[in-house]
Amino acid sequence: MATFVLVPGAWLGAWAWEDTARALRERGHTALPLTLTGLAEHADQGEPETDLNTHIADITGFIERNDLRDVTLVAHSYAAAPVTGAAGRLSDRLKRLVYVDSAPFAAGMRMLDLMPPQAADQLRQQVDASGDGWRLPMPPLEVLGLSSSLDGLDESQRNLLRSRATPQPFGTYTQRLDGPSEPGPGVDRVLVACHDFTGLLAAGVPMLAYLNQPPWRRFDLPTGHWALLSAPAELADILDKAVS
């Protein structure tokens, strides 16, 4: 049986993994959801200095304090950034990396690099206007719904996402990934691609082409970006298959 450390994306906490974690435990696995600094029940620990390195330290510290070995480390969305950083520091403790609707970050990359300059400027304005200069509120669901990211979420799940999301420390978006970012050569690598991501892969985006080649193994999950909420049992099935 596998040991999963489950890291949620922006604005989320360990709560978002609850149903997937429960399904994994029912299959005999150890499933450990993690809340990062400044989010959910750890919101009061956030401060203007909270950044990407803070979240990398959260992940590495959690795994090392609990002396976890042969870990399957799972990143959803934004968590790809700190998980990539943590993977470069934890290779001897990792058995597998899983990126859910996300991909590893290259050294020197930051979250703001994933969007056009105008969109990044809009986020900065939101942080200044509504986040005390250091917190990024979650966009309204009406904005998120302009893509297929909300596919699969019923009204109760949308309300849960809306009510439990907490502002993201913006330093996690502005700081570039530094330090080691490559896991050891023996670490298994898995991609779980949802609707938007499968579209990018099908379009042949050059910077993502490597994800369709060994050592990567790809599983497609026909739901929106928030698979933790829209398809938790199906996501657990894929994670179970990935470690079998």
C-alpha atoms as a PDB file:
ATOM      1  CA  MET A   1       0.000   0.000   0.000  1.00  0.00           C
ATOM      2  CA  ALA A   2       1.152   3.538  -0.773  1.00  0.00           C
ATOM      3  CA  THR A   3       1.685   6.646   1.340  1.00  0.00           C
ATOM      4  CA  PHE A   4       0.116   9.710  -0.270  1.00  0.00           C
ATOM      5  CA  VAL A   5       0.853  13.301   0.706  1.00  0.00           C
ATOM      6  CA  LEU A   6      -1.855  15.405  -0.935  1.00  0.00           C
ATOM      7  CA  VAL A   7      -1.157  19.102  -1.537  1.00  0.00           C
ATOM      8  CA  PRO A   8      -4.073  21.355  -2.583  1.00  0.00           C
ATOM      9  CA  GLY A   9      -4.000  24.207  -5.055  1.00  0.00           C
ATOM     10  CA  ALA A  10      -4.433  27.933  -4.541  1.00  0.00           C
ATOM     11  CA  TRP A  11      -7.117  29.132  -2.100  1.00  0.00           C
ATOM     12  CA  LEU A  12      -7.669  25.585  -0.793  1.00  0.00           C
ATOM     13  CA  GLY A  13      -6.740  23.607   2.302  1.00  0.00           C
ATOM     14  CA  ALA A  14      -6.570  19.957   3.278  1.00  0.00           C
ATOM     15  CA  TRP A  15     -10.386  20.003   3.407  1.00  0.00           C
ATOM     16  CA  ALA A  16     -10.526  19.886  -0.396  1.00  0.00           C
ATOM     17  CA  TRP A  17      -8.850  16.442  -0.375  1.00  0.00           C
ATOM     18  CA  GLU A  18     -11.157  14.898   2.250  1.00  0.00           C
ATOM     19  CA  ASP A  19     -13.285  12.750  -0.069  1.00  0.00           C
ATOM     20  CA  THR A  20     -10.344  11.581  -2.167  1.00  0.00           C
ATOM     21  CA  ALA A  21      -8.328  10.823   0.963  1.00  0.00           C
ATOM     22  CA  ARG A  22     -11.205   8.822   2.420  1.00  0.00           C
ATOM     23  CA  ALA A  23     -11.510   6.774  -0.770  1.00  0.00           C
ATOM     24  CA  LEU A  24      -7.771   6.084  -0.773  1.00  0.00           C
ATOM     25  CA  ARG A  25      -7.872   4.928   2.859  1.00  0.00           C
ATOM     26  CA  GLU A  26     -10.745   2.591   2.016  1.00  0.00           C
ATOM     27  CA  ARG A  27      -8.360   0.984  -0.473  1.00  0.00           C
ATOM     28  CA  GLY A  28      -5.784   0.476   2.282  1.00  0.00           C
ATOM     29  CA  HIS A  29      -3.510   3.427   1.524  1.00  0.00           C
ATOM     30  CA  THR A  30      -2.198   6.082   3.883  1.00  0.00           C
ATOM     31  CA  ALA A  31      -3.545   9.449   2.712  1.00  0.00           C
ATOM     32  CA  LEU A  32      -2.266  12.641   4.337  1.00  0.00           C
ATOM     33  CA  PRO A  33      -3.787  15.912   3.078  1.00  0.00           C
ATOM     34  CA  LEU A  34      -1.698  19.002   3.838  1.00  0.00           C
ATOM     35  CA  THR A  35      -2.732  22.623   4.390  1.00  0.00           C
ATOM     36  CA  LEU A  36      -0.099  25.187   3.428  1.00  0.00           C
ATOM     37  CA  THR A  37       0.771  28.310   5.409  1.00  0.00           C
ATOM     38  CA  GLY A  38      -1.710  31.162   5.078  1.00  0.00           C
ATOM     39  CA  LEU A  39      -4.606  29.019   3.873  1.00  0.00           C
ATOM     40  CA  ALA A  40      -7.726  27.417   5.385  1.00  0.00           C
ATOM     41  CA  GLU A  41      -7.110  26.574   9.069  1.00  0.00           C
ATOM     42  CA  HIS A  42      -3.615  28.048   8.742  1.00  0.00           C
ATOM     43  CA  ALA A  43      -4.847  31.381   7.383  1.00  0.00           C
ATOM     44  CA  ASP A  44      -3.805  33.196  10.550  1.00  0.00           C
ATOM     45  CA  GLN A  45      -0.214  32.038  10.033  1.00  0.00           C
ATOM     46  CA  GLY A  46       0.098  33.897   6.752  1.00  0.00           C
ATOM     47  CA  GLU A  47       1.907  37.219   6.510  1.00  0.00           C
ATOM     48  CA  PRO A  48       3.229  39.503   3.774  1.00  0.00           C
ATOM     49  CA  GLU A  49       6.482  37.506   3.763  1.00  0.00           C
ATOM     50  CA  THR A  50       4.743  34.192   3.056  1.00  0.00           C
ATOM     51  CA  ASP A  51       6.074  33.043  -0.307  1.00  0.00           C
ATOM     52  CA  LEU A  52       6.863  30.019  -2.443  1.00  0.00           C
ATOM     53  CA  ASN A  53       9.782  29.032  -0.235  1.00  0.00           C
ATOM     54  CA  THR A  54       7.405  29.018   2.738  1.00  0.00           C
ATOM     55  CA  HIS A  55       5.223  26.436   1.029  1.00  0.00           C
ATOM     56  CA  ILE A  56       8.206  24.362  -0.088  1.00  0.00           C
ATOM     57  CA  ALA A  57       9.305  24.298   3.556  1.00  0.00           C
ATOM     58  CA  ASP A  58       5.782  23.278   4.617  1.00  0.00           C
ATOM     59  CA  ILE A  59       5.942  20.195   2.393  1.00  0.00           C
ATOM     60  CA  THR A  60       9.519  19.168   3.130  1.00  0.00           C
ATOM     61  CA  GLY A  61       9.045  19.779   6.853  1.00  0.00           C
ATOM     62  CA  PHE A  62       5.858  17.697   6.978  1.00  0.00           C
ATOM     63  CA  ILE A  63       7.484  14.730   5.260  1.00  0.00           C
ATOM     64  CA  GLU A  64      10.697  14.921   7.262  1.00  0.00           C
ATOM     65  CA  ARG A  65       9.025  15.467  10.663  1.00  0.00           C
ATOM     66  CA  ASN A  66       6.844  12.418  10.099  1.00  0.00           C
ATOM     67  CA  ASP A  67       9.818  10.446   8.731  1.00  0.00           C
ATOM     68  CA  LEU A  68       7.796   9.427   5.674  1.00  0.00           C
ATOM     69  CA  ARG A  69       9.452   7.195   3.074  1.00  0.00           C
ATOM     70  CA  ASP A  70       8.450   5.965  -0.382  1.00  0.00           C
ATOM     71  CA  VAL A  71       6.042   8.897  -0.589  1.00  0.00           C
ATOM     72  CA  THR A  72       3.670   9.508  -3.475  1.00  0.00           C
ATOM     73  CA  LEU A  73       3.562  13.311  -3.468  1.00  0.00           C
ATOM     74  CA  VAL A  74       0.487  14.724  -5.207  1.00  0.00           C
ATOM     75  CA  ALA A  75       0.111  18.314  -6.436  1.00  0.00           C
ATOM     76  CA  HIS A  76      -3.128  19.918  -7.553  1.00  0.00           C
ATOM     77  CA  SER A  77      -2.933  23.084  -9.662  1.00  0.00           C
ATOM     78  CA  TYR A  78      -0.778  25.797  -7.985  1.00  0.00           C
ATOM     79  CA  ALA A  79       0.740  23.142  -5.706  1.00  0.00           C
ATOM     80  CA  ALA A  80       2.857  22.091  -8.688  1.00  0.00           C
ATOM     81  CA  ALA A  81       5.183  25.000  -7.835  1.00  0.00           C
ATOM     82  CA  PRO A  82       6.015  24.112  -4.213  1.00  0.00           C
ATOM     83  CA  VAL A  83       5.841  20.361  -4.907  1.00  0.00           C
ATOM     84  CA  THR A  84       8.445  20.781  -7.658  1.00  0.00           C
ATOM     85  CA  GLY A  85      10.676  22.640  -5.211  1.00  0.00           C
ATOM     86  CA  ALA A  86      10.112  20.071  -2.491  1.00  0.00           C
ATOM     87  CA  ALA A  87      10.806  17.192  -4.890  1.00  0.00           C
ATOM     88  CA  GLY A  88      14.280  18.545  -5.548  1.00  0.00           C
ATOM     89  CA  ARG A  89      14.993  18.398  -1.827  1.00  0.00           C
ATOM     90  CA  LEU A  90      13.266  15.104  -0.968  1.00  0.00           C
ATOM     91  CA  SER A  91      14.350  12.697  -3.700  1.00  0.00           C
ATOM     92  CA  ASP A  92      15.501  10.030  -1.258  1.00  0.00           C
ATOM     93  CA  ARG A  93      12.061  10.017   0.403  1.00  0.00           C
ATOM     94  CA  LEU A  94       9.966  10.055  -2.760  1.00  0.00           C
ATOM     95  CA  LYS A  95       8.692   7.128  -4.754  1.00  0.00           C
ATOM     96  CA  ARG A  96       6.366   9.012  -7.068  1.00  0.00           C
ATOM     97  CA  LEU A  97       5.251  12.493  -8.134  1.00  0.00           C
ATOM     98  CA  VAL A  98       1.691  13.054  -9.339  1.00  0.00           C
ATOM     99  CA  TYR A  99       0.591  16.323 -10.921  1.00  0.00           C
ATOM    100  CA  VAL A 100      -3.196  16.777 -11.061  1.00  0.00           C
ATOM    101  CA  ASP A 101      -4.134  19.172 -13.867  1.00  0.00           C
ATOM    102  CA  SER A 102      -0.723  20.779 -13.513  1.00  0.00           C
ATOM    103  CA  ALA A 103       2.912  20.254 -14.459  1.00  0.00           C
ATOM    104  CA  PRO A 104       6.350  20.686 -12.881  1.00  0.00           C
ATOM    105  CA  PHE A 105       7.887  24.136 -12.735  1.00  0.00           C
ATOM    106  CA  ALA A 106      11.255  24.889 -14.297  1.00  0.00           C
ATOM    107  CA  ALA A 107      13.931  26.589 -12.227  1.00  0.00           C
ATOM    108  CA  GLY A 108      13.377  30.349 -12.303  1.00  0.00           C
ATOM    109  CA  MET A 109       9.673  30.022 -13.110  1.00  0.00           C
ATOM    110  CA  ARG A 110       6.850  31.623 -11.113  1.00  0.00           C
ATOM    111  CA  MET A 111       3.060  31.410 -11.165  1.00  0.00           C
ATOM    112  CA  LEU A 112       2.676  34.794 -12.820  1.00  0.00           C
ATOM    113  CA  ASP A 113       4.616  33.458 -15.811  1.00  0.00           C
ATOM    114  CA  LEU A 114       1.628  31.237 -16.655  1.00  0.00           C
ATOM    115  CA  MET A 115      -0.548  34.208 -17.635  1.00  0.00           C
ATOM    116  CA  PRO A 116      -0.340  37.179 -19.998  1.00  0.00           C
ATOM    117  CA  PRO A 117       1.218  40.361 -18.522  1.00  0.00           C
ATOM    118  CA  GLN A 118      -2.147  42.124 -18.535  1.00  0.00           C
ATOM    119  CA  ALA A 119      -3.742  39.350 -16.466  1.00  0.00           C
ATOM    120  CA  ALA A 120      -0.818  39.429 -14.011  1.00  0.00           C
ATOM    121  CA  ASP A 121      -1.275  43.186 -13.639  1.00  0.00           C
ATOM    122  CA  GLN A 122      -4.957  42.662 -12.895  1.00  0.00           C
ATOM    123  CA  LEU A 123      -4.058  40.243 -10.105  1.00  0.00           C
ATOM    124  CA  ARG A 124      -1.672  42.794  -8.608  1.00  0.00           C
ATOM    125  CA  GLN A 125      -4.447  45.371  -8.664  1.00  0.00           C
ATOM    126  CA  GLN A 126      -6.804  42.955  -6.900  1.00  0.00           C
ATOM    127  CA  VAL A 127      -4.190  42.270  -4.236  1.00  0.00           C
ATOM    128  CA  ASP A 128      -3.688  45.998  -3.646  1.00  0.00           C
ATOM    129  CA  ALA A 129      -7.401  46.790  -3.641  1.00  0.00           C
ATOM    130  CA  SER A 130      -8.842  43.806  -1.748  1.00  0.00           C
ATOM    131  CA  GLY A 131      -5.966  41.874  -0.203  1.00  0.00           C
ATOM    132  CA  ASP A 132      -4.095  44.350   1.989  1.00  0.00           C
ATOM    133  CA  GLY A 133      -1.294  44.341  -0.549  1.00  0.00           C
ATOM    134  CA  TRP A 134      -0.300  40.695   0.003  1.00  0.00           C
ATOM    135  CA  ARG A 135      -3.312  38.390  -0.348  1.00  0.00           C
ATOM    136  CA  LEU A 136      -4.999  37.301  -3.573  1.00  0.00           C
ATOM    137  CA  PRO A 137      -8.752  36.702  -3.219  1.00  0.00           C
ATOM    138  CA  MET A 138     -10.235  33.822  -5.140  1.00  0.00           C
ATOM    139  CA  PRO A 139     -11.840  35.068  -8.375  1.00  0.00           C
ATOM    140  CA  PRO A 140     -15.629  34.929  -8.548  1.00  0.00           C
ATOM    141  CA  LEU A 141     -16.920  31.618  -9.854  1.00  0.00           C
ATOM    142  CA  GLU A 142     -18.497  33.513 -12.741  1.00  0.00           C
ATOM    143  CA  VAL A 143     -14.969  34.371 -13.890  1.00  0.00           C
ATOM    144  CA  LEU A 144     -13.631  30.860 -13.329  1.00  0.00           C
ATOM    145  CA  GLY A 145     -16.589  29.503 -15.259  1.00  0.00           C
ATOM    146  CA  LEU A 146     -15.499  31.230 -18.447  1.00  0.00           C
ATOM    147  CA  SER A 147     -13.366  28.144 -19.118  1.00  0.00           C
ATOM    148  CA  SER A 148     -14.255  24.504 -18.483  1.00  0.00           C
ATOM    149  CA  SER A 149     -12.612  24.574 -15.056  1.00  0.00           C
ATOM    150  CA  LEU A 150     -15.935  24.298 -13.199  1.00  0.00           C
ATOM    151  CA  ASP A 151     -17.134  21.295 -15.209  1.00  0.00           C
ATOM    152  CA  GLY A 152     -18.560  18.591 -12.963  1.00  0.00           C
ATOM    153  CA  LEU A 153     -19.233  20.804  -9.956  1.00  0.00           C
ATOM    154  CA  ASP A 154     -22.859  20.797  -8.819  1.00  0.00           C
ATOM    155  CA  GLU A 155     -24.359  23.738  -6.967  1.00  0.00           C
ATOM    156  CA  SER A 156     -23.490  22.392  -3.495  1.00  0.00           C
ATOM    157  CA  GLN A 157     -19.873  21.838  -4.526  1.00  0.00           C
ATOM    158  CA  ARG A 158     -19.670  25.326  -6.002  1.00  0.00           C
ATOM    159  CA  ASN A 159     -21.045  26.740  -2.770  1.00  0.00           C
ATOM    160  CA  LEU A 160     -18.477  24.727  -0.805  1.00  0.00           C
ATOM    161  CA  LEU A 161     -15.664  26.077  -2.959  1.00  0.00           C
ATOM    162  CA  ARG A 162     -16.988  29.619  -2.671  1.00  0.00           C
ATOM    163  CA  SER A 163     -17.463  29.475   1.107  1.00  0.00           C
ATOM    164  CA  ARG A 164     -14.273  27.681   2.146  1.00  0.00           C
ATOM    165  CA  ALA A 165     -11.727  29.254  -0.193  1.00  0.00           C
ATOM    166  CA  THR A 166      -9.287  31.620   1.514  1.00  0.00           C
ATOM    167  CA  PRO A 167      -7.096  34.333  -0.040  1.00  0.00           C
ATOM    168  CA  GLN A 168      -3.763  33.101  -1.389  1.00  0.00           C
ATOM    169  CA  PRO A 169      -0.550  34.750  -0.099  1.00  0.00           C
ATOM    170  CA  PHE A 170       0.537  36.579  -3.238  1.00  0.00           C
ATOM    171  CA  GLY A 171       4.226  36.017  -2.590  1.00  0.00           C
ATOM    172  CA  THR A 172       3.628  32.420  -3.670  1.00  0.00           C
ATOM    173  CA  TYR A 173       2.752  33.769  -7.124  1.00  0.00           C
ATOM    174  CA  THR A 174       5.503  36.363  -7.446  1.00  0.00           C
ATOM    175  CA  GLN A 175       8.526  34.429  -6.150  1.00  0.00           C
ATOM    176  CA  ARG A 176      10.484  32.402  -8.676  1.00  0.00           C
ATOM    177  CA  LEU A 177      11.412  28.790  -8.026  1.00  0.00           C
ATOM    178  CA  ASP A 178      15.027  28.530  -6.968  1.00  0.00           C
ATOM    179  CA  GLY A 179      17.188  25.708  -5.714  1.00  0.00           C
ATOM    180  CA  PRO A 180      16.994  22.082  -6.901  1.00  0.00           C
ATOM    181  CA  SER A 181      13.854  21.230  -8.865  1.00  0.00           C
ATOM    182  CA  GLU A 182      14.588  17.781 -10.304  1.00  0.00           C
ATOM    183  CA  PRO A 183      13.756  14.607  -8.349  1.00  0.00           C
ATOM    184  CA  GLY A 184      16.014  11.593  -8.485  1.00  0.00           C
ATOM    185  CA  PRO A 185      15.975   9.509 -11.681  1.00  0.00           C
ATOM    186  CA  GLY A 186      14.165   6.650  -9.961  1.00  0.00           C
ATOM    187  CA  VAL A 187      11.134   8.743  -8.977  1.00  0.00           C
ATOM    188  CA  ASP A 188       8.019   7.706 -10.915  1.00  0.00           C
ATOM    189  CA  ARG A 189       6.199  10.594 -12.646  1.00  0.00           C
ATOM    190  CA  VAL A 190       2.468  10.715 -13.278  1.00  0.00           C
ATOM    191  CA  LEU A 191       0.158  13.263 -14.885  1.00  0.00           C
ATOM    192  CA  VAL A 192      -3.600  13.390 -14.263  1.00  0.00           C
ATOM    193  CA  ALA A 193      -5.067  15.592 -16.994  1.00  0.00           C
ATOM    194  CA  CYS A 194      -8.565  17.094 -16.754  1.00  0.00           C
ATOM    195  CA  HIS A 195     -10.547  18.901 -19.454  1.00  0.00           C
ATOM    196  CA  ASP A 196      -8.488  22.064 -19.984  1.00  0.00           C
ATOM    197  CA  PHE A 197      -5.176  20.254 -19.677  1.00  0.00           C
ATOM    198  CA  THR A 198      -6.104  17.508 -22.121  1.00  0.00           C
ATOM    199  CA  GLY A 199      -6.974  20.284 -24.549  1.00  0.00           C
ATOM    200  CA  LEU A 200      -3.530  21.830 -24.160  1.00  0.00           C
ATOM    201  CA  LEU A 201      -1.860  18.469 -24.698  1.00  0.00           C
ATOM    202  CA  ALA A 202      -3.990  17.762 -27.750  1.00  0.00           C
ATOM    203  CA  ALA A 203      -3.055  21.165 -29.158  1.00  0.00           C
ATOM    204  CA  GLY A 204       0.596  20.180 -29.042  1.00  0.00           C
ATOM    205  CA  VAL A 205       1.829  23.013 -26.834  1.00  0.00           C
ATOM    206  CA  PRO A 206       5.619  22.635 -27.192  1.00  0.00           C
ATOM    207  CA  MET A 207       6.498  23.303 -23.557  1.00  0.00           C
ATOM    208  CA  LEU A 208       4.192  20.443 -22.474  1.00  0.00           C
ATOM    209  CA  ALA A 209       5.200  17.872 -25.090  1.00  0.00           C
ATOM    210  CA  TYR A 210       7.503  16.027 -22.672  1.00  0.00           C
ATOM    211  CA  LEU A 211       4.488  15.033 -20.560  1.00  0.00           C
ATOM    212  CA  ASN A 212       3.410  12.639 -23.314  1.00  0.00           C
ATOM    213  CA  GLN A 213       6.752  10.833 -23.263  1.00  0.00           C
ATOM    214  CA  PRO A 214       8.504   8.448 -20.844  1.00  0.00           C
ATOM    215  CA  PRO A 215       9.180   8.499 -17.952  1.00  0.00           C
ATOM    216  CA  TRP A 216       5.785  10.186 -17.661  1.00  0.00           C
ATOM    217  CA  ARG A 217       2.601   8.144 -17.346  1.00  0.00           C
ATOM    218  CA  ARG A 218      -0.633   9.954 -18.195  1.00  0.00           C
ATOM    219  CA  PHE A 219      -4.177   9.368 -16.943  1.00  0.00           C
ATOM    220  CA  ASP A 220      -7.093  11.434 -18.274  1.00  0.00           C
ATOM    221  CA  LEU A 221      -9.952  12.389 -15.947  1.00  0.00           C
ATOM    222  CA  PRO A 222     -13.035  13.775 -17.747  1.00  0.00           C
ATOM    223  CA  THR A 223     -13.951  16.577 -15.373  1.00  0.00           C
ATOM    224  CA  GLY A 224     -13.052  20.194 -14.700  1.00  0.00           C
ATOM    225  CA  HIS A 225     -10.049  21.640 -12.943  1.00  0.00           C
ATOM    226  CA  TRP A 226     -11.406  21.113  -9.411  1.00  0.00           C
ATOM    227  CA  ALA A 227     -11.330  17.320  -9.648  1.00  0.00           C
ATOM    228  CA  LEU A 228     -10.825  17.025  -5.875  1.00  0.00           C
ATOM    229  CA  LEU A 229     -14.429  18.203  -5.497  1.00  0.00           C
ATOM    230  CA  SER A 230     -16.101  17.225  -8.775  1.00  0.00           C
ATOM    231  CA  ALA A 231     -14.737  13.676  -9.086  1.00  0.00           C
ATOM    232  CA  PRO A 232     -13.020  12.656  -5.825  1.00  0.00           C
ATOM    233  CA  ALA A 233     -13.790   8.935  -6.113  1.00  0.00           C
ATOM    234  CA  GLU A 234     -12.660   8.817  -9.735  1.00  0.00           C
ATOM    235  CA  LEU A 235      -9.484  10.697  -8.807  1.00  0.00           C
ATOM    236  CA  ALA A 236      -8.841   8.180  -6.025  1.00  0.00           C
ATOM    237  CA  ASP A 237      -9.310   5.348  -8.555  1.00  0.00           C
ATOM    238  CA  ILE A 238      -6.648   6.884 -10.790  1.00  0.00           C
ATOM    239  CA  LEU A 239      -4.239   7.420  -7.903  1.00  0.00           C
ATOM    240  CA  ASP A 240      -4.784   3.833  -6.832  1.00  0.00           C
ATOM    241  CA  LYS A 241      -4.015   2.626 -10.370  1.00  0.00           C
ATOM    242  CA  ALA A 242      -0.934   4.844 -10.512  1.00  0.00           C
ATOM    243  CA  VAL A 243       0.625   3.084  -7.509  1.00  0.00           C
ATOM    244  CA  SER A 244      -0.418  -0.457  -8.449  1.00  0.00           C
END
